[in-house]
């Protein structure tokens, strides 16, 4: 089964967000991840939802996704992430 990380975020600092994306993106690719989608919320179709942007990354399996998230390469990006945006990452196992 594949794995999908869904990152929901509110940008606090656009310059820091650009720096975070430039630093974190290559770490995803280096660990076998693939960006599936990125975008901004248009509207909630059912129920209430926060207005947050989203990024989705697919990995071959849950273990690979966790290895990326815990990797030294991505860990070095975490201070930029915290400066750039309020983020929530959720890991899903998918078919």
PDB file of N, CA and C in Angstrom:
ATOM      1  N   UNK A   1       0.840  -1.191   0.000  1.00  0.00           N
ATOM      2  CA  UNK A   1       0.000   0.000   0.000  1.00  0.00           C
ATOM      3  C   UNK A   1       0.878   1.245   0.000  1.00  0.00           C
ATOM      4  N   UNK A   2       0.442   2.249  -0.700  1.00  0.00           N
ATOM      5  CA  UNK A   2       1.183   3.508  -0.732  1.00  0.00           C
ATOM      6  C   UNK A   2       0.820   4.359   0.474  1.00  0.00           C
ATOM      7  N   UNK A   3       1.545   5.446   0.643  1.00  0.00           N
ATOM      8  CA  UNK A   3       1.289   6.369   1.742  1.00  0.00           C
ATOM      9  C   UNK A   3       1.134   7.768   1.173  1.00  0.00           C
ATOM     10  N   UNK A   4       0.290   8.549   1.818  1.00  0.00           N
ATOM     11  CA  UNK A   4       0.046   9.921   1.409  1.00  0.00           C
ATOM     12  C   UNK A   4       0.186  10.819   2.624  1.00  0.00           C
ATOM     13  N   UNK A   5       1.028  11.830   2.500  1.00  0.00           N
ATOM     14  CA  UNK A   5       1.126  12.851   3.539  1.00  0.00           C
ATOM     15  C   UNK A   5       0.350  14.059   3.049  1.00  0.00           C
ATOM     16  N   UNK A   6      -0.586  14.507   3.870  1.00  0.00           N
ATOM     17  CA  UNK A   6      -1.351  15.708   3.574  1.00  0.00           C
ATOM     18  C   UNK A   6      -0.882  16.783   4.546  1.00  0.00           C
ATOM     19  N   UNK A   7      -0.345  17.845   3.991  1.00  0.00           N
ATOM     20  CA  UNK A   7       0.107  18.983   4.801  1.00  0.00           C
ATOM     21  C   UNK A   7      -0.883  20.118   4.608  1.00  0.00           C
ATOM     22  N   UNK A   8      -1.462  20.578   5.689  1.00  0.00           N
ATOM     23  CA  UNK A   8      -2.370  21.733   5.652  1.00  0.00           C
ATOM     24  C   UNK A   8      -1.663  22.865   6.372  1.00  0.00           C
ATOM     25  N   UNK A   9      -1.722  24.056   5.801  1.00  0.00           N
ATOM     26  CA  UNK A   9      -0.924  25.128   6.390  1.00  0.00           C
ATOM     27  C   UNK A   9      -1.473  26.523   6.119  1.00  0.00           C
ATOM     28  N   UNK A  10      -1.134  27.430   7.036  1.00  0.00           N
ATOM     29  CA  UNK A  10      -1.376  28.858   6.901  1.00  0.00           C
ATOM     30  C   UNK A  10      -0.013  29.529   6.900  1.00  0.00           C
ATOM     31  N   UNK A  11       0.294  30.225   5.840  1.00  0.00           N
ATOM     32  CA  UNK A  11       1.586  30.896   5.710  1.00  0.00           C
ATOM     33  C   UNK A  11       1.633  32.100   6.641  1.00  0.00           C
ATOM     34  N   UNK A  12       2.696  32.170   7.444  1.00  0.00           N
ATOM     35  CA  UNK A  12       2.935  33.313   8.326  1.00  0.00           C
ATOM     36  C   UNK A  12       3.918  34.290   7.703  1.00  0.00           C
ATOM     37  N   UNK A  13       4.872  33.753   6.932  1.00  0.00           N
ATOM     38  CA  UNK A  13       5.944  34.565   6.364  1.00  0.00           C
ATOM     39  C   UNK A  13       6.248  34.031   4.962  1.00  0.00           C
ATOM     40  N   UNK A  14       5.850  34.783   3.947  1.00  0.00           N
ATOM     41  CA  UNK A  14       5.970  34.302   2.557  1.00  0.00           C
ATOM     42  C   UNK A  14       7.425  34.066   2.157  1.00  0.00           C
ATOM     43  N   UNK A  15       8.327  34.912   2.592  1.00  0.00           N
ATOM     44  CA  UNK A  15       9.745  34.750   2.255  1.00  0.00           C
ATOM     45  C   UNK A  15      10.304  33.465   2.877  1.00  0.00           C
ATOM     46  N   UNK A  16       9.957  33.232   4.129  1.00  0.00           N
ATOM     47  CA  UNK A  16      10.392  32.002   4.796  1.00  0.00           C
ATOM     48  C   UNK A  16       9.742  30.781   4.162  1.00  0.00           C
ATOM     49  N   UNK A  17       8.501  30.918   3.700  1.00  0.00           N
ATOM     50  CA  UNK A  17       7.813  29.798   3.049  1.00  0.00           C
ATOM     51  C   UNK A  17       8.523  29.429   1.758  1.00  0.00           C
ATOM     52  N   UNK A  18       8.953  30.420   0.992  1.00  0.00           N
ATOM     53  CA  UNK A  18       9.709  30.145  -0.232  1.00  0.00           C
ATOM     54  C   UNK A  18      11.014  29.421   0.085  1.00  0.00           C
ATOM     55  N   UNK A  19      11.688  29.861   1.143  1.00  0.00           N
ATOM     56  CA  UNK A  19      12.948  29.230   1.545  1.00  0.00           C
ATOM     57  C   UNK A  19      12.703  27.797   2.023  1.00  0.00           C
ATOM     58  N   UNK A  20      11.633  27.590   2.779  1.00  0.00           N
ATOM     59  CA  UNK A  20      11.287  26.245   3.251  1.00  0.00           C
ATOM     60  C   UNK A  20      10.988  25.325   2.071  1.00  0.00           C
ATOM     61  N   UNK A  21      10.176  25.793   1.128  1.00  0.00           N
ATOM     62  CA  UNK A  21       9.828  24.973  -0.034  1.00  0.00           C
ATOM     63  C   UNK A  21      11.070  24.609  -0.844  1.00  0.00           C
ATOM     64  N   UNK A  22      11.963  25.574  -1.009  1.00  0.00           N
ATOM     65  CA  UNK A  22      13.195  25.321  -1.768  1.00  0.00           C
ATOM     66  C   UNK A  22      14.087  24.308  -1.061  1.00  0.00           C
ATOM     67  N   UNK A  23      14.090  24.318   0.264  1.00  0.00           N
ATOM     68  CA  UNK A  23      14.933  23.395   1.034  1.00  0.00           C
ATOM     69  C   UNK A  23      14.274  22.025   1.194  1.00  0.00           C
ATOM     70  N   UNK A  24      12.967  22.001   1.468  1.00  0.00           N
ATOM     71  CA  UNK A  24      12.280  20.740   1.770  1.00  0.00           C
ATOM     72  C   UNK A  24      11.948  19.933   0.524  1.00  0.00           C
ATOM     73  N   UNK A  25      11.616  20.596  -0.570  1.00  0.00           N
ATOM     74  CA  UNK A  25      11.220  19.893  -1.793  1.00  0.00           C
ATOM     75  C   UNK A  25      12.221  18.844  -2.244  1.00  0.00           C
ATOM     76  N   UNK A  26      13.493  19.197  -2.357  1.00  0.00           N
ATOM     77  CA  UNK A  26      14.480  18.197  -2.777  1.00  0.00           C
ATOM     78  C   UNK A  26      14.614  17.021  -1.807  1.00  0.00           C
ATOM     79  N   UNK A  27      14.336  17.231  -0.522  1.00  0.00           N
ATOM     80  CA  UNK A  27      14.429  16.115   0.429  1.00  0.00           C
ATOM     81  C   UNK A  27      13.315  15.109   0.175  1.00  0.00           C
ATOM     82  N   UNK A  28      12.136  15.599  -0.213  1.00  0.00           N
ATOM     83  CA  UNK A  28      11.026  14.705  -0.555  1.00  0.00           C
ATOM     84  C   UNK A  28      11.427  13.828  -1.733  1.00  0.00           C
ATOM     85  N   UNK A  29      11.926  14.455  -2.787  1.00  0.00           N
ATOM     86  CA  UNK A  29      12.308  13.722  -3.997  1.00  0.00           C
ATOM     87  C   UNK A  29      13.439  12.734  -3.721  1.00  0.00           C
ATOM     88  N   UNK A  30      14.406  13.142  -2.885  1.00  0.00           N
ATOM     89  CA  UNK A  30      15.542  12.276  -2.569  1.00  0.00           C
ATOM     90  C   UNK A  30      15.115  11.025  -1.803  1.00  0.00           C
ATOM     91  N   UNK A  31      13.972  11.090  -1.131  1.00  0.00           N
ATOM     92  CA  UNK A  31      13.468   9.937  -0.374  1.00  0.00           C
ATOM     93  C   UNK A  31      12.344   9.208  -1.109  1.00  0.00           C
ATOM     94  N   UNK A  32      12.227   9.454  -2.398  1.00  0.00           N
ATOM     95  CA  UNK A  32      11.262   8.716  -3.204  1.00  0.00           C
ATOM     96  C   UNK A  32       9.854   9.264  -3.179  1.00  0.00           C
ATOM     97  N   UNK A  33       9.668  10.451  -2.595  1.00  0.00           N
ATOM     98  CA  UNK A  33       8.343  11.057  -2.553  1.00  0.00           C
ATOM     99  C   UNK A  33       8.004  11.744  -3.858  1.00  0.00           C
ATOM    100  N   UNK A  34       6.713  11.928  -4.081  1.00  0.00           N
ATOM    101  CA  UNK A  34       6.220  12.574  -5.291  1.00  0.00           C
ATOM    102  C   UNK A  34       5.127  13.561  -4.893  1.00  0.00           C
ATOM    103  N   UNK A  35       5.279  14.812  -5.289  1.00  0.00           N
ATOM    104  CA  UNK A  35       4.237  15.794  -5.019  1.00  0.00           C
ATOM    105  C   UNK A  35       3.029  15.476  -5.899  1.00  0.00           C
ATOM    106  N   UNK A  36       1.869  15.315  -5.267  1.00  0.00           N
ATOM    107  CA  UNK A  36       0.650  14.951  -5.969  1.00  0.00           C
ATOM    108  C   UNK A  36      -0.193  16.192  -6.257  1.00  0.00           C
ATOM    109  N   UNK A  37      -0.295  17.093  -5.294  1.00  0.00           N
ATOM    110  CA  UNK A  37      -1.122  18.283  -5.455  1.00  0.00           C
ATOM    111  C   UNK A  37      -0.690  19.353  -4.473  1.00  0.00           C
ATOM    112  N   UNK A  38      -0.909  20.589  -4.875  1.00  0.00           N
ATOM    113  CA  UNK A  38      -0.715  21.741  -4.005  1.00  0.00           C
ATOM    114  C   UNK A  38      -1.786  22.756  -4.381  1.00  0.00           C
ATOM    115  N   UNK A  39      -2.348  23.434  -3.390  1.00  0.00           N
ATOM    116  CA  UNK A  39      -3.352  24.422  -3.721  1.00  0.00           C
ATOM    117  C   UNK A  39      -3.898  25.136  -2.514  1.00  0.00           C
ATOM    118  N   UNK A  40      -4.747  26.099  -2.812  1.00  0.00           N
ATOM    119  CA  UNK A  40      -5.415  26.869  -1.774  1.00  0.00           C
ATOM    120  C   UNK A  40      -6.889  26.511  -1.756  1.00  0.00           C
ATOM    121  N   UNK A  41      -7.467  26.516  -0.571  1.00  0.00           N
ATOM    122  CA  UNK A  41      -8.876  26.170  -0.416  1.00  0.00           C
ATOM    123  C   UNK A  41      -9.743  27.175  -1.156  1.00  0.00           C
ATOM    124  N   UNK A  42     -10.719  26.659  -1.861  1.00  0.00           N
ATOM    125  CA  UNK A  42     -11.702  27.498  -2.530  1.00  0.00           C
ATOM    126  C   UNK A  42     -12.933  27.629  -1.646  1.00  0.00           C
ATOM    127  N   UNK A  43     -13.481  26.487  -1.207  1.00  0.00           N
ATOM    128  CA  UNK A  43     -14.636  26.501  -0.319  1.00  0.00           C
ATOM    129  C   UNK A  43     -14.826  25.111   0.279  1.00  0.00           C
ATOM    130  N   UNK A  44     -15.499  25.078   1.423  1.00  0.00           N
ATOM    131  CA  UNK A  44     -15.877  23.797   2.026  1.00  0.00           C
ATOM    132  C   UNK A  44     -17.185  23.365   1.381  1.00  0.00           C
ATOM    133  N   UNK A  45     -17.257  22.135   0.929  1.00  0.00           N
ATOM    134  CA  UNK A  45     -18.473  21.647   0.292  1.00  0.00           C
ATOM    135  C   UNK A  45     -19.451  21.050   1.300  1.00  0.00           C
ATOM    136  N   UNK A  46     -18.922  20.446   2.369  1.00  0.00           N
ATOM    137  CA  UNK A  46     -19.759  19.902   3.436  1.00  0.00           C
ATOM    138  C   UNK A  46     -19.071  20.207   4.751  1.00  0.00           C
ATOM    139  N   UNK A  47     -19.782  20.765   5.694  1.00  0.00           N
ATOM    140  CA  UNK A  47     -19.222  21.060   7.007  1.00  0.00           C
ATOM    141  C   UNK A  47     -18.308  22.266   6.995  1.00  0.00           C
ATOM    142  N   UNK A  48     -17.894  22.644   8.197  1.00  0.00           N
ATOM    143  CA  UNK A  48     -17.002  23.791   8.334  1.00  0.00           C
ATOM    144  C   UNK A  48     -15.553  23.334   8.228  1.00  0.00           C
ATOM    145  N   UNK A  49     -14.731  24.185   7.670  1.00  0.00           N
ATOM    146  CA  UNK A  49     -13.324  23.861   7.494  1.00  0.00           C
ATOM    147  C   UNK A  49     -12.545  25.165   7.538  1.00  0.00           C
ATOM    148  N   UNK A  50     -11.324  25.084   8.042  1.00  0.00           N
ATOM    149  CA  UNK A  50     -10.462  26.259   8.067  1.00  0.00           C
ATOM    150  C   UNK A  50      -9.988  26.581   6.653  1.00  0.00           C
ATOM    151  N   UNK A  51      -9.719  27.851   6.419  1.00  0.00           N
ATOM    152  CA  UNK A  51      -9.153  28.246   5.130  1.00  0.00           C
ATOM    153  C   UNK A  51      -7.652  28.025   5.220  1.00  0.00           C
ATOM    154  N   UNK A  52      -7.193  26.915   4.691  1.00  0.00           N
ATOM    155  CA  UNK A  52      -5.790  26.558   4.730  1.00  0.00           C
ATOM    156  C   UNK A  52      -5.359  26.060   3.363  1.00  0.00           C
ATOM    157  N   UNK A  53      -4.098  26.267   3.059  1.00  0.00           N
ATOM    158  CA  UNK A  53      -3.527  25.693   1.844  1.00  0.00           C
ATOM    159  C   UNK A  53      -3.210  24.228   2.108  1.00  0.00           C
ATOM    160  N   UNK A  54      -2.977  23.474   1.025  1.00  0.00           N
ATOM    161  CA  UNK A  54      -2.717  22.051   1.179  1.00  0.00           C
ATOM    162  C   UNK A  54      -1.624  21.619   0.205  1.00  0.00           C
ATOM    163  N   UNK A  55      -0.835  20.659   0.649  1.00  0.00           N
ATOM    164  CA  UNK A  55       0.126  19.980  -0.216  1.00  0.00           C
ATOM    165  C   UNK A  55      -0.007  18.492   0.072  1.00  0.00           C
ATOM    166  N   UNK A  56       0.052  17.672  -0.983  1.00  0.00           N
ATOM    167  CA  UNK A  56      -0.051  16.223  -0.832  1.00  0.00           C
ATOM    168  C   UNK A  56       1.167  15.578  -1.475  1.00  0.00           C
ATOM    169  N   UNK A  57       1.776  14.657  -0.710  1.00  0.00           N
ATOM    170  CA  UNK A  57       2.977  13.968  -1.175  1.00  0.00           C
ATOM    171  C   UNK A  57       2.750  12.468  -1.041  1.00  0.00           C
ATOM    172  N   UNK A  58       3.052  11.726  -2.107  1.00  0.00           N
ATOM    173  CA  UNK A  58       2.884  10.270  -2.094  1.00  0.00           C
ATOM    174  C   UNK A  58       4.243   9.594  -1.946  1.00  0.00           C
ATOM    175  N   UNK A  59       4.287   8.562  -1.110  1.00  0.00           N
ATOM    176  CA  UNK A  59       5.462   7.706  -0.940  1.00  0.00           C
ATOM    177  C   UNK A  59       5.051   6.273  -1.236  1.00  0.00           C
ATOM    178  N   UNK A  60       6.012   5.416  -1.465  1.00  0.00           N
ATOM    179  CA  UNK A  60       5.715   4.023  -1.808  1.00  0.00           C
ATOM    180  C   UNK A  60       5.059   3.266  -0.658  1.00  0.00           C
ATOM    181  N   UNK A  61       5.340   3.670   0.577  1.00  0.00           N
ATOM    182  CA  UNK A  61       4.747   3.015   1.745  1.00  0.00           C
ATOM    183  C   UNK A  61       4.909   3.915   2.963  1.00  0.00           C
ATOM    184  N   UNK A  62       4.252   3.540   4.050  1.00  0.00           N
ATOM    185  CA  UNK A  62       4.276   4.325   5.287  1.00  0.00           C
ATOM    186  C   UNK A  62       5.695   4.448   5.835  1.00  0.00           C
ATOM    187  N   UNK A  63       6.445   3.364   5.796  1.00  0.00           N
ATOM    188  CA  UNK A  63       7.816   3.388   6.330  1.00  0.00           C
ATOM    189  C   UNK A  63       8.671   4.410   5.581  1.00  0.00           C
ATOM    190  N   UNK A  64       8.515   4.496   4.274  1.00  0.00           N
ATOM    191  CA  UNK A  64       9.279   5.470   3.487  1.00  0.00           C
ATOM    192  C   UNK A  64       8.888   6.895   3.849  1.00  0.00           C
ATOM    193  N   UNK A  65       7.613   7.134   4.048  1.00  0.00           N
ATOM    194  CA  UNK A  65       7.143   8.470   4.436  1.00  0.00           C
ATOM    195  C   UNK A  65       7.722   8.859   5.790  1.00  0.00           C
ATOM    196  N   UNK A  66       7.717   7.928   6.733  1.00  0.00           N
ATOM    197  CA  UNK A  66       8.263   8.214   8.060  1.00  0.00           C
ATOM    198  C   UNK A  66       9.775   8.416   8.004  1.00  0.00           C
ATOM    199  N   UNK A  67      10.458   7.641   7.165  1.00  0.00           N
ATOM    200  CA  UNK A  67      11.910   7.829   7.023  1.00  0.00           C
ATOM    201  C   UNK A  67      12.214   9.228   6.500  1.00  0.00           C
ATOM    202  N   UNK A  68      11.439   9.695   5.515  1.00  0.00           N
ATOM    203  CA  UNK A  68      11.640  11.065   5.023  1.00  0.00           C
ATOM    204  C   UNK A  68      11.413  12.074   6.142  1.00  0.00           C
ATOM    205  N   UNK A  69      10.276  11.958   6.829  1.00  0.00           N
ATOM    206  CA  UNK A  69       9.933  12.950   7.848  1.00  0.00           C
ATOM    207  C   UNK A  69      10.971  13.002   8.966  1.00  0.00           C
ATOM    208  N   UNK A  70      11.543  11.859   9.321  1.00  0.00           N
ATOM    209  CA  UNK A  70      12.530  11.782  10.397  1.00  0.00           C
ATOM    210  C   UNK A  70      13.973  11.912   9.912  1.00  0.00           C
ATOM    211  N   UNK A  71      14.166  12.079   8.609  1.00  0.00           N
ATOM    212  CA  UNK A  71      15.523  12.118   8.056  1.00  0.00           C
ATOM    213  C   UNK A  71      16.288  13.369   8.512  1.00  0.00           C
ATOM    214  N   UNK A  72      17.603  13.263   8.611  1.00  0.00           N
ATOM    215  CA  UNK A  72      18.411  14.442   8.947  1.00  0.00           C
ATOM    216  C   UNK A  72      18.234  15.566   7.932  1.00  0.00           C
ATOM    217  N   UNK A  73      18.063  15.206   6.658  1.00  0.00           N
ATOM    218  CA  UNK A  73      17.905  16.226   5.615  1.00  0.00           C
ATOM    219  C   UNK A  73      16.635  17.048   5.835  1.00  0.00           C
ATOM    220  N   UNK A  74      15.518  16.365   6.108  1.00  0.00           N
ATOM    221  CA  UNK A  74      14.281  17.103   6.339  1.00  0.00           C
ATOM    222  C   UNK A  74      14.291  17.762   7.715  1.00  0.00           C
ATOM    223  N   UNK A  75      14.862  17.112   8.706  1.00  0.00           N
ATOM    224  CA  UNK A  75      14.929  17.711  10.050  1.00  0.00           C
ATOM    225  C   UNK A  75      15.623  19.057  10.026  1.00  0.00           C
ATOM    226  N   UNK A  76      16.596  19.211   9.147  1.00  0.00           N
ATOM    227  CA  UNK A  76      17.294  20.495   9.026  1.00  0.00           C
ATOM    228  C   UNK A  76      16.365  21.594   8.515  1.00  0.00           C
ATOM    229  N   UNK A  77      15.253  21.225   7.870  1.00  0.00           N
ATOM    230  CA  UNK A  77      14.293  22.201   7.327  1.00  0.00           C
ATOM    231  C   UNK A  77      13.237  22.622   8.351  1.00  0.00           C
ATOM    232  N   UNK A  78      13.123  21.906   9.435  1.00  0.00           N
ATOM    233  CA  UNK A  78      12.034  22.144  10.385  1.00  0.00           C
ATOM    234  C   UNK A  78      12.041  23.547  10.990  1.00  0.00           C
ATOM    235  N   UNK A  79      13.183  24.147  11.324  1.00  0.00           N
ATOM    236  CA  UNK A  79      13.136  25.534  11.820  1.00  0.00           C
ATOM    237  C   UNK A  79      12.556  26.500  10.780  1.00  0.00           C
ATOM    238  N   UNK A  80      12.879  26.295   9.512  1.00  0.00           N
ATOM    239  CA  UNK A  80      12.288  27.122   8.451  1.00  0.00           C
ATOM    240  C   UNK A  80      10.780  26.911   8.391  1.00  0.00           C
ATOM    241  N   UNK A  81      10.347  25.664   8.524  1.00  0.00           N
ATOM    242  CA  UNK A  81       8.910  25.344   8.497  1.00  0.00           C
ATOM    243  C   UNK A  81       8.176  26.088   9.593  1.00  0.00           C
ATOM    244  N   UNK A  82       8.740  26.058  10.786  1.00  0.00           N
ATOM    245  CA  UNK A  82       8.084  26.704  11.926  1.00  0.00           C
ATOM    246  C   UNK A  82       8.023  28.213  11.768  1.00  0.00           C
ATOM    247  N   UNK A  83       9.016  28.801  11.137  1.00  0.00           N
ATOM    248  CA  UNK A  83       9.033  30.238  10.876  1.00  0.00           C
ATOM    249  C   UNK A  83       8.079  30.602   9.741  1.00  0.00           C
ATOM    250  N   UNK A  84       7.934  29.706   8.776  1.00  0.00           N
ATOM    251  CA  UNK A  84       7.177  29.999   7.562  1.00  0.00           C
ATOM    252  C   UNK A  84       5.669  29.896   7.729  1.00  0.00           C
ATOM    253  N   UNK A  85       5.201  28.887   8.475  1.00  0.00           N
ATOM    254  CA  UNK A  85       3.761  28.623   8.485  1.00  0.00           C
ATOM    255  C   UNK A  85       3.340  27.810   9.701  1.00  0.00           C
ATOM    256  N   UNK A  86       2.054  27.904  10.011  1.00  0.00           N
ATOM    257  CA  UNK A  86       1.426  26.984  10.955  1.00  0.00           C
ATOM    258  C   UNK A  86       1.052  25.771  10.112  1.00  0.00           C
ATOM    259  N   UNK A  87       1.582  24.590  10.445  1.00  0.00           N
ATOM    260  CA  UNK A  87       1.353  23.412   9.613  1.00  0.00           C
ATOM    261  C   UNK A  87       0.821  22.234  10.408  1.00  0.00           C
ATOM    262  N   UNK A  88       0.058  21.411   9.698  1.00  0.00           N
ATOM    263  CA  UNK A  88      -0.423  20.141  10.229  1.00  0.00           C
ATOM    264  C   UNK A  88      -0.105  19.089   9.169  1.00  0.00           C
ATOM    265  N   UNK A  89       0.603  18.048   9.529  1.00  0.00           N
ATOM    266  CA  UNK A  89       0.912  16.946   8.621  1.00  0.00           C
ATOM    267  C   UNK A  89       0.125  15.726   9.090  1.00  0.00           C
ATOM    268  N   UNK A  90      -0.552  15.056   8.157  1.00  0.00           N
ATOM    269  CA  UNK A  90      -1.280  13.823   8.464  1.00  0.00           C
ATOM    270  C   UNK A  90      -0.818  12.752   7.487  1.00  0.00           C
ATOM    271  N   UNK A  91      -0.531  11.578   8.004  1.00  0.00           N
ATOM    272  CA  UNK A  91      -0.059  10.454   7.196  1.00  0.00           C
ATOM    273  C   UNK A  91      -1.191   9.445   7.017  1.00  0.00           C
ATOM    274  N   UNK A  92      -1.447   9.077   5.756  1.00  0.00           N
ATOM    275  CA  UNK A  92      -2.498   8.113   5.426  1.00  0.00           C
ATOM    276  C   UNK A  92      -1.878   6.937   4.685  1.00  0.00           C
ATOM    277  N   UNK A  93      -2.407   5.746   4.934  1.00  0.00           N
ATOM    278  CA  UNK A  93      -2.059   4.589   4.120  1.00  0.00           C
ATOM    279  C   UNK A  93      -3.165   4.461   3.081  1.00  0.00           C
ATOM    280  N   UNK A  94      -2.778   4.343   1.804  1.00  0.00           N
ATOM    281  CA  UNK A  94      -3.761   4.349   0.710  1.00  0.00           C
ATOM    282  C   UNK A  94      -3.618   3.112  -0.151  1.00  0.00           C
ATOM    283  N   UNK A  95      -4.619   2.826  -0.911  1.00  0.00           N
ATOM    284  CA  UNK A  95      -4.599   1.695  -1.833  1.00  0.00           C
ATOM    285  C   UNK A  95      -4.151   2.146  -3.200  1.00  0.00           C
TER     286      UNK A  95
END
